[in-house]
Amino acid sequence: MTKKSSIKIKIKKGDRVKVIAGAYKGTEGEVLQVLREKNRAIIENVNLAKKHEKPTNERAGGIREINNPIHISNLMLIDPKSGVPTRVGRKMEGDKIVRYAKNSGEIIK
């Protein structure tokens, strides 16, 4: 049985985010995948690790780099209008709930 998360995840796949804590602090990248059950996200070119693979019939062996997940609390969404990190809010727009950047009020697609 998995424990229910109490953190509201406010980033989605395809968002531009900035790392605000940890070894990769200050780097920006695109969210490739969000792991909701673990409160983590995989970011492009952040938290890289080398993986050694044996050759198989489909591909050659060797060393390749993979993106390891990083905790959601270490990420901030980048404001689409100003390009600076911002917090995310939610509001009703018609009959839908949309995300918006708290710095500029810009709706996040």
C-alpha atoms as a PDB file:
ATOM      1  CA  MET A   1       0.000   0.000   0.000  1.00  0.00           C
ATOM      2  CA  THR A   2       1.426   3.377  -0.983  1.00  0.00           C
ATOM      3  CA  LYS A   3       1.201   6.465   1.176  1.00  0.00           C
ATOM      4  CA  LYS A   4      -0.995   9.288  -0.186  1.00  0.00           C
ATOM      5  CA  SER A   5       1.009  12.427  -0.931  1.00  0.00           C
ATOM      6  CA  SER A   6       0.058  15.661   0.821  1.00  0.00           C
ATOM      7  CA  ILE A   7       2.020  17.834  -1.622  1.00  0.00           C
ATOM      8  CA  LYS A   8       0.019  19.446  -4.434  1.00  0.00           C
ATOM      9  CA  ILE A   9       2.122  19.052  -7.580  1.00  0.00           C
ATOM     10  CA  LYS A  10       1.895  22.254  -9.593  1.00  0.00           C
ATOM     11  CA  ILE A  11       4.219  21.421 -12.455  1.00  0.00           C
ATOM     12  CA  LYS A  12       3.418  19.346 -15.514  1.00  0.00           C
ATOM     13  CA  LYS A  13       5.256  17.639 -18.340  1.00  0.00           C
ATOM     14  CA  GLY A  14       6.602  20.210 -20.793  1.00  0.00           C
ATOM     15  CA  ASP A  15       6.982  23.066 -18.259  1.00  0.00           C
ATOM     16  CA  ARG A  16      10.223  25.057 -18.012  1.00  0.00           C
ATOM     17  CA  VAL A  17      11.545  24.894 -14.440  1.00  0.00           C
ATOM     18  CA  LYS A  18      14.548  26.129 -12.469  1.00  0.00           C
ATOM     19  CA  VAL A  19      16.316  24.094  -9.778  1.00  0.00           C
ATOM     20  CA  ILE A  20      16.383  26.144  -6.555  1.00  0.00           C
ATOM     21  CA  ALA A  21      18.255  23.737  -4.242  1.00  0.00           C
ATOM     22  CA  GLY A  22      20.799  20.954  -4.410  1.00  0.00           C
ATOM     23  CA  ALA A  23      23.824  20.182  -6.546  1.00  0.00           C
ATOM     24  CA  TYR A  24      22.176  21.479  -9.734  1.00  0.00           C
ATOM     25  CA  LYS A  25      20.982  24.760  -8.184  1.00  0.00           C
ATOM     26  CA  GLY A  26      20.447  27.478 -10.803  1.00  0.00           C
ATOM     27  CA  THR A  27      20.057  25.180 -13.814  1.00  0.00           C
ATOM     28  CA  GLU A  28      16.970  25.325 -16.006  1.00  0.00           C
ATOM     29  CA  GLY A  29      15.348  22.606 -18.046  1.00  0.00           C
ATOM     30  CA  GLU A  30      12.155  21.128 -19.385  1.00  0.00           C
ATOM     31  CA  VAL A  31      10.112  18.605 -17.400  1.00  0.00           C
ATOM     32  CA  LEU A  32      10.259  15.261 -19.208  1.00  0.00           C
ATOM     33  CA  GLN A  33       8.152  13.269 -16.732  1.00  0.00           C
ATOM     34  CA  VAL A  34       6.379  13.782 -13.391  1.00  0.00           C
ATOM     35  CA  LEU A  35       6.396  10.893 -10.900  1.00  0.00           C
ATOM     36  CA  ARG A  36       3.357  11.757  -8.754  1.00  0.00           C
ATOM     37  CA  GLU A  37       3.593   8.840  -6.330  1.00  0.00           C
ATOM     38  CA  LYS A  38       7.173   9.797  -5.381  1.00  0.00           C
ATOM     39  CA  ASN A  39       6.790  13.629  -5.585  1.00  0.00           C
ATOM     40  CA  ARG A  40       9.620  13.788  -8.108  1.00  0.00           C
ATOM     41  CA  ALA A  41      10.176  14.992 -11.652  1.00  0.00           C
ATOM     42  CA  ILE A  42      12.685  14.135 -14.361  1.00  0.00           C
ATOM     43  CA  ILE A  43      14.242  17.282 -15.830  1.00  0.00           C
ATOM     44  CA  GLU A  44      16.185  17.501 -19.080  1.00  0.00           C
ATOM     45  CA  ASN A  45      19.988  17.529 -18.459  1.00  0.00           C
ATOM     46  CA  VAL A  46      19.630  17.763 -14.656  1.00  0.00           C
ATOM     47  CA  ASN A  47      20.816  15.134 -12.142  1.00  0.00           C
ATOM     48  CA  LEU A  48      22.614  13.054 -14.763  1.00  0.00           C
ATOM     49  CA  ALA A  49      24.037   9.616 -13.970  1.00  0.00           C
ATOM     50  CA  LYS A  50      26.089   7.216 -16.052  1.00  0.00           C
ATOM     51  CA  LYS A  51      24.604   3.789 -16.700  1.00  0.00           C
ATOM     52  CA  HIS A  52      26.710   0.893 -17.978  1.00  0.00           C
ATOM     53  CA  GLU A  53      24.879  -1.404 -20.382  1.00  0.00           C
ATOM     54  CA  LYS A  54      25.721  -4.750 -21.893  1.00  0.00           C
ATOM     55  CA  PRO A  55      25.287  -5.134 -25.633  1.00  0.00           C
ATOM     56  CA  THR A  56      22.081  -6.792 -26.832  1.00  0.00           C
ATOM     57  CA  ASN A  57      20.709  -7.723 -30.229  1.00  0.00           C
ATOM     58  CA  GLU A  58      18.909  -4.372 -30.502  1.00  0.00           C
ATOM     59  CA  ARG A  59      21.710  -1.992 -29.457  1.00  0.00           C
ATOM     60  CA  ALA A  60      25.402  -1.758 -28.769  1.00  0.00           C
ATOM     61  CA  GLY A  61      26.653  -1.730 -25.213  1.00  0.00           C
ATOM     62  CA  GLY A  62      28.497   1.085 -23.522  1.00  0.00           C
ATOM     63  CA  ILE A  63      28.045   3.922 -21.078  1.00  0.00           C
ATOM     64  CA  ARG A  64      25.046   6.215 -21.463  1.00  0.00           C
ATOM     65  CA  GLU A  65      23.768   9.112 -19.387  1.00  0.00           C
ATOM     66  CA  ILE A  66      20.301   9.001 -17.865  1.00  0.00           C
ATOM     67  CA  ASN A  67      18.286  11.727 -16.118  1.00  0.00           C
ATOM     68  CA  ASN A  68      17.529  10.827 -12.499  1.00  0.00           C
ATOM     69  CA  PRO A  69      14.451  12.285 -10.783  1.00  0.00           C
ATOM     70  CA  ILE A  70      14.657  15.357  -8.536  1.00  0.00           C
ATOM     71  CA  HIS A  71      12.221  16.252  -5.748  1.00  0.00           C
ATOM     72  CA  ILE A  72       9.378  18.650  -6.601  1.00  0.00           C
ATOM     73  CA  SER A  73      10.240  20.939  -3.666  1.00  0.00           C
ATOM     74  CA  ASN A  74      13.584  21.761  -5.327  1.00  0.00           C
ATOM     75  CA  LEU A  75      11.908  23.133  -8.473  1.00  0.00           C
ATOM     76  CA  MET A  76      10.209  26.408  -9.391  1.00  0.00           C
ATOM     77  CA  LEU A  77       8.241  27.082 -12.537  1.00  0.00           C
ATOM     78  CA  ILE A  78       9.622  29.750 -14.881  1.00  0.00           C
ATOM     79  CA  ASP A  79       7.226  32.606 -15.609  1.00  0.00           C
ATOM     80  CA  PRO A  80       6.361  32.540 -19.341  1.00  0.00           C
ATOM     81  CA  LYS A  81       6.136  36.340 -19.484  1.00  0.00           C
ATOM     82  CA  SER A  82       9.229  37.518 -17.582  1.00  0.00           C
ATOM     83  CA  GLY A  83      11.422  34.396 -17.542  1.00  0.00           C
ATOM     84  CA  VAL A  84      12.037  34.434 -13.766  1.00  0.00           C
ATOM     85  CA  PRO A  85      11.054  31.680 -11.286  1.00  0.00           C
ATOM     86  CA  THR A  86       7.571  32.106  -9.862  1.00  0.00           C
ATOM     87  CA  ARG A  87       5.052  30.408  -7.636  1.00  0.00           C
ATOM     88  CA  VAL A  88       1.971  28.870  -9.219  1.00  0.00           C
ATOM     89  CA  GLY A  89      -1.650  29.606  -8.391  1.00  0.00           C
ATOM     90  CA  ARG A  90      -4.945  28.157  -9.591  1.00  0.00           C
ATOM     91  CA  LYS A  91      -8.107  30.021 -10.516  1.00  0.00           C
ATOM     92  CA  MET A  92     -11.364  29.452 -12.350  1.00  0.00           C
ATOM     93  CA  GLU A  93     -11.406  30.645 -15.947  1.00  0.00           C
ATOM     94  CA  GLY A  94     -14.904  30.061 -17.258  1.00  0.00           C
ATOM     95  CA  ASP A  95     -15.666  26.483 -16.268  1.00  0.00           C
ATOM     96  CA  LYS A  96     -12.025  25.295 -16.096  1.00  0.00           C
ATOM     97  CA  ILE A  97      -9.334  25.570 -13.441  1.00  0.00           C
ATOM     98  CA  VAL A  98      -6.179  27.100 -14.938  1.00  0.00           C
ATOM     99  CA  ARG A  99      -2.682  27.621 -13.565  1.00  0.00           C
ATOM    100  CA  TYR A 100      -1.238  31.130 -13.452  1.00  0.00           C
ATOM    101  CA  ALA A 101       2.104  32.679 -12.527  1.00  0.00           C
ATOM    102  CA  LYS A 102       1.845  34.661  -9.299  1.00  0.00           C
ATOM    103  CA  ASN A 103       4.534  37.179 -10.372  1.00  0.00           C
ATOM    104  CA  SER A 104       2.877  38.381 -13.558  1.00  0.00           C
ATOM    105  CA  GLY A 105      -0.607  36.883 -13.452  1.00  0.00           C
ATOM    106  CA  GLU A 106       0.065  35.213 -16.838  1.00  0.00           C
ATOM    107  CA  ILE A 107      -1.903  32.015 -17.501  1.00  0.00           C
ATOM    108  CA  ILE A 108       0.360  28.978 -17.936  1.00  0.00           C
ATOM    109  CA  LYS A 109      -0.547  26.754 -20.884  1.00  0.00           C
END
